[in-house]
Amino acid sequence: MPVYRCLPRIARGPYYPAPLFRRFKRFAGNSMSAVSFAGLHVAIVTPFRAGGEVDWAAWTRLVDFHVQQGTDGLVIAGTTGESVTLEDGEVRELVLRAQAQANGRLRIVVGAGTSSTAGTVRRVQEFTALPVDGVLV
């Protein structure tokens, strides 16, 4: 089943901007495989230091905590994870560190939404190349 069929009916109906839907459909096509997202997926926060940079030591502790607690997956760089304040490179580093640390014990979903359609499409294209189980738009 194509990815766009997973969108709620209203997203495919007259209330959703048709040009955006057509762009998503053309981009996604049938290339994304089905993944089960059953279980508990946590929208993880992104810890920062006083200077505004990501606190990598705290990030490591957070990911370890979720692995130890049996969390099924993490949503990285969603709205709770301060996605609008993170550069693409920082999001990429968060994902790569979490994947290496979790070593397959967590599903990883990365937030790609921005305040513009073009920015979101660019992030989706970039982030689908990462070792993630899903991309949140």
C-alpha atoms as a PDB file:
ATOM      1  CA  MET A   1       0.000   0.000   0.000  1.00  0.00           C
ATOM      2  CA  PRO A   2       1.443   3.404  -0.889  1.00  0.00           C
ATOM      3  CA  VAL A   3       2.454   5.603   2.022  1.00  0.00           C
ATOM      4  CA  TYR A   4      -0.040   8.339   1.180  1.00  0.00           C
ATOM      5  CA  ARG A   5      -2.920   5.933   1.793  1.00  0.00           C
ATOM      6  CA  CYS A   6      -1.957   5.993   5.466  1.00  0.00           C
ATOM      7  CA  LEU A   7      -2.946   9.651   5.664  1.00  0.00           C
ATOM      8  CA  PRO A   8      -6.299  10.294   7.313  1.00  0.00           C
ATOM      9  CA  ARG A   9      -9.233  10.735   4.929  1.00  0.00           C
ATOM     10  CA  ILE A  10      -9.353  14.460   5.568  1.00  0.00           C
ATOM     11  CA  ALA A  11      -5.727  14.716   4.440  1.00  0.00           C
ATOM     12  CA  ARG A  12      -6.699  13.201   1.094  1.00  0.00           C
ATOM     13  CA  GLY A  13      -9.941  15.120   0.833  1.00  0.00           C
ATOM     14  CA  PRO A  14     -10.865  18.613  -0.274  1.00  0.00           C
ATOM     15  CA  TYR A  15      -9.634  20.220   2.966  1.00  0.00           C
ATOM     16  CA  TYR A  16      -6.006  19.308   2.380  1.00  0.00           C
ATOM     17  CA  PRO A  17      -3.946  21.427  -0.037  1.00  0.00           C
ATOM     18  CA  ALA A  18      -3.934  19.327  -3.197  1.00  0.00           C
ATOM     19  CA  PRO A  19      -0.586  20.588  -4.534  1.00  0.00           C
ATOM     20  CA  LEU A  20       1.169  19.545  -1.313  1.00  0.00           C
ATOM     21  CA  PHE A  21      -0.509  16.131  -1.381  1.00  0.00           C
ATOM     22  CA  ARG A  22       0.488  15.563  -5.018  1.00  0.00           C
ATOM     23  CA  ARG A  23       4.091  16.511  -4.202  1.00  0.00           C
ATOM     24  CA  PHE A  24       4.144  14.092  -1.254  1.00  0.00           C
ATOM     25  CA  LYS A  25       2.573  11.316  -3.317  1.00  0.00           C
ATOM     26  CA  ARG A  26       5.094  11.824  -6.118  1.00  0.00           C
ATOM     27  CA  PHE A  27       8.003  11.862  -3.642  1.00  0.00           C
ATOM     28  CA  ALA A  28       6.911   8.928  -1.472  1.00  0.00           C
ATOM     29  CA  GLY A  29       5.391   6.683  -4.110  1.00  0.00           C
ATOM     30  CA  ASN A  30       5.694   3.050  -3.068  1.00  0.00           C
ATOM     31  CA  SER A  31       9.330   3.308  -1.993  1.00  0.00           C
ATOM     32  CA  MET A  32       8.766   3.264   1.759  1.00  0.00           C
ATOM     33  CA  SER A  33       8.301  -0.122   3.395  1.00  0.00           C
ATOM     34  CA  ALA A  34       5.718  -0.853   6.067  1.00  0.00           C
ATOM     35  CA  VAL A  35       6.962  -0.666   9.652  1.00  0.00           C
ATOM     36  CA  SER A  36       4.987  -1.551  12.757  1.00  0.00           C
ATOM     37  CA  PHE A  37       4.834   1.313  15.210  1.00  0.00           C
ATOM     38  CA  ALA A  38       3.093  -0.669  17.930  1.00  0.00           C
ATOM     39  CA  GLY A  39       4.152   0.027  21.490  1.00  0.00           C
ATOM     40  CA  LEU A  40       5.448   3.068  23.323  1.00  0.00           C
ATOM     41  CA  HIS A  41       7.255   5.696  21.264  1.00  0.00           C
ATOM     42  CA  VAL A  42       8.566   8.658  23.229  1.00  0.00           C
ATOM     43  CA  ALA A  43       8.867  12.147  21.777  1.00  0.00           C
ATOM     44  CA  ILE A  44      12.280  12.666  23.335  1.00  0.00           C
ATOM     45  CA  VAL A  45      13.515  16.092  24.393  1.00  0.00           C
ATOM     46  CA  THR A  46      16.780  17.484  23.076  1.00  0.00           C
ATOM     47  CA  PRO A  47      18.999  18.632  25.968  1.00  0.00           C
ATOM     48  CA  PHE A  48      20.940  21.860  25.510  1.00  0.00           C
ATOM     49  CA  ARG A  49      23.861  23.430  27.325  1.00  0.00           C
ATOM     50  CA  ALA A  50      23.738  27.029  28.561  1.00  0.00           C
ATOM     51  CA  GLY A  51      25.448  28.230  25.368  1.00  0.00           C
ATOM     52  CA  GLY A  52      22.748  26.727  23.128  1.00  0.00           C
ATOM     53  CA  GLU A  53      24.669  23.699  21.856  1.00  0.00           C
ATOM     54  CA  VAL A  54      23.329  20.161  22.221  1.00  0.00           C
ATOM     55  CA  ASP A  55      24.362  18.520  25.502  1.00  0.00           C
ATOM     56  CA  TRP A  56      25.684  15.223  24.138  1.00  0.00           C
ATOM     57  CA  ALA A  57      26.372  13.695  27.565  1.00  0.00           C
ATOM     58  CA  ALA A  58      22.764  14.309  28.610  1.00  0.00           C
ATOM     59  CA  TRP A  59      21.575  12.933  25.249  1.00  0.00           C
ATOM     60  CA  THR A  60      23.489   9.714  25.899  1.00  0.00           C
ATOM     61  CA  ARG A  61      21.901   9.384  29.345  1.00  0.00           C
ATOM     62  CA  LEU A  62      18.397   9.970  27.925  1.00  0.00           C
ATOM     63  CA  VAL A  63      18.780   7.343  25.204  1.00  0.00           C
ATOM     64  CA  ASP A  64      20.244   4.862  27.724  1.00  0.00           C
ATOM     65  CA  PHE A  65      17.312   5.501  30.054  1.00  0.00           C
ATOM     66  CA  HIS A  66      14.787   4.681  27.330  1.00  0.00           C
ATOM     67  CA  VAL A  67      16.652   1.540  26.291  1.00  0.00           C
ATOM     68  CA  GLN A  68      16.737   0.362  29.930  1.00  0.00           C
ATOM     69  CA  GLN A  69      13.045   1.158  30.473  1.00  0.00           C
ATOM     70  CA  GLY A  70      11.941  -0.872  27.456  1.00  0.00           C
ATOM     71  CA  THR A  71      10.719   2.017  25.327  1.00  0.00           C
ATOM     72  CA  ASP A  72       9.834   0.739  21.847  1.00  0.00           C
ATOM     73  CA  GLY A  73      10.924   3.801  19.915  1.00  0.00           C
ATOM     74  CA  LEU A  74      12.031   7.410  19.990  1.00  0.00           C
ATOM     75  CA  VAL A  75      10.718  10.361  18.033  1.00  0.00           C
ATOM     76  CA  ILE A  76      13.774  12.567  17.578  1.00  0.00           C
ATOM     77  CA  ALA A  77      13.477  16.249  16.654  1.00  0.00           C
ATOM     78  CA  GLY A  78       9.726  16.432  16.860  1.00  0.00           C
ATOM     79  CA  THR A  79       8.194  19.547  18.410  1.00  0.00           C
ATOM     80  CA  THR A  80       9.130  18.310  21.893  1.00  0.00           C
ATOM     81  CA  GLY A  81      12.702  17.834  20.670  1.00  0.00           C
ATOM     82  CA  GLU A  82      13.089  21.486  19.665  1.00  0.00           C
ATOM     83  CA  SER A  83      13.133  20.707  15.946  1.00  0.00           C
ATOM     84  CA  VAL A  84      12.849  24.357  14.915  1.00  0.00           C
ATOM     85  CA  THR A  85      15.959  25.301  16.887  1.00  0.00           C
ATOM     86  CA  LEU A  86      18.123  22.491  15.498  1.00  0.00           C
ATOM     87  CA  GLU A  87      20.255  22.628  12.376  1.00  0.00           C
ATOM     88  CA  ASP A  88      19.934  19.698   9.971  1.00  0.00           C
ATOM     89  CA  GLY A  89      23.430  18.531  10.927  1.00  0.00           C
ATOM     90  CA  GLU A  90      22.479  18.454  14.607  1.00  0.00           C
ATOM     91  CA  VAL A  91      19.376  16.378  13.850  1.00  0.00           C
ATOM     92  CA  ARG A  92      21.497  14.001  11.777  1.00  0.00           C
ATOM     93  CA  GLU A  93      23.978  13.676  14.662  1.00  0.00           C
ATOM     94  CA  LEU A  94      21.153  13.042  17.179  1.00  0.00           C
ATOM     95  CA  VAL A  95      19.826  10.238  14.977  1.00  0.00           C
ATOM     96  CA  LEU A  96      23.215   8.660  14.320  1.00  0.00           C
ATOM     97  CA  ARG A  97      24.184   8.728  17.996  1.00  0.00           C
ATOM     98  CA  ALA A  98      20.830   7.287  19.090  1.00  0.00           C
ATOM     99  CA  GLN A  99      21.020   4.508  16.484  1.00  0.00           C
ATOM    100  CA  ALA A 100      24.573   3.575  17.455  1.00  0.00           C
ATOM    101  CA  GLN A 101      23.712   3.619  21.134  1.00  0.00           C
ATOM    102  CA  ALA A 102      20.400   1.756  20.871  1.00  0.00           C
ATOM    103  CA  ASN A 103      21.930  -0.844  18.553  1.00  0.00           C
ATOM    104  CA  GLY A 104      18.571  -1.947  17.140  1.00  0.00           C
ATOM    105  CA  ARG A 105      16.737  -2.001  20.487  1.00  0.00           C
ATOM    106  CA  LEU A 106      14.649   1.082  19.622  1.00  0.00           C
ATOM    107  CA  ARG A 107      12.778   2.169  16.522  1.00  0.00           C
ATOM    108  CA  ILE A 108      13.847   5.663  15.496  1.00  0.00           C
ATOM    109  CA  VAL A 109      11.498   8.218  13.953  1.00  0.00           C
ATOM    110  CA  VAL A 110      12.897  11.620  13.001  1.00  0.00           C
ATOM    111  CA  GLY A 111      10.912  14.841  12.738  1.00  0.00           C
ATOM    112  CA  ALA A 112      11.274  16.600   9.397  1.00  0.00           C
ATOM    113  CA  GLY A 113       8.623  19.292   9.659  1.00  0.00           C
ATOM    114  CA  THR A 114       9.525  22.931   9.126  1.00  0.00           C
ATOM    115  CA  SER A 115       7.517  26.091   8.614  1.00  0.00           C
ATOM    116  CA  SER A 116       7.718  25.717   4.821  1.00  0.00           C
ATOM    117  CA  THR A 117       6.708  22.996   2.394  1.00  0.00           C
ATOM    118  CA  ALA A 118      10.005  23.215   0.509  1.00  0.00           C
ATOM    119  CA  GLY A 119      12.014  22.950   3.736  1.00  0.00           C
ATOM    120  CA  THR A 120      10.001  19.956   4.883  1.00  0.00           C
ATOM    121  CA  VAL A 121      10.390  18.160   1.544  1.00  0.00           C
ATOM    122  CA  ARG A 122      14.151  18.846   1.613  1.00  0.00           C
ATOM    123  CA  ARG A 123      14.420  17.473   5.161  1.00  0.00           C
ATOM    124  CA  VAL A 124      12.347  14.388   4.298  1.00  0.00           C
ATOM    125  CA  GLN A 125      14.641  13.650   1.365  1.00  0.00           C
ATOM    126  CA  GLU A 126      17.733  14.130   3.523  1.00  0.00           C
ATOM    127  CA  PHE A 127      16.484  12.266   6.588  1.00  0.00           C
ATOM    128  CA  THR A 128      15.180   9.208   4.715  1.00  0.00           C
ATOM    129  CA  ALA A 129      18.824   8.499   3.854  1.00  0.00           C
ATOM    130  CA  LEU A 130      19.526   8.120   7.591  1.00  0.00           C
ATOM    131  CA  PRO A 131      19.102   4.788   9.421  1.00  0.00           C
ATOM    132  CA  VAL A 132      15.560   5.610  10.616  1.00  0.00           C
ATOM    133  CA  ASP A 133      12.330   3.641  10.763  1.00  0.00           C
ATOM    134  CA  GLY A 134      10.144   6.610   9.923  1.00  0.00           C
ATOM    135  CA  VAL A 135       9.971  10.310   9.227  1.00  0.00           C
ATOM    136  CA  LEU A 136       7.449  12.532  10.998  1.00  0.00           C
ATOM    137  CA  VAL A 137       5.997  15.382   8.951  1.00  0.00           C
END
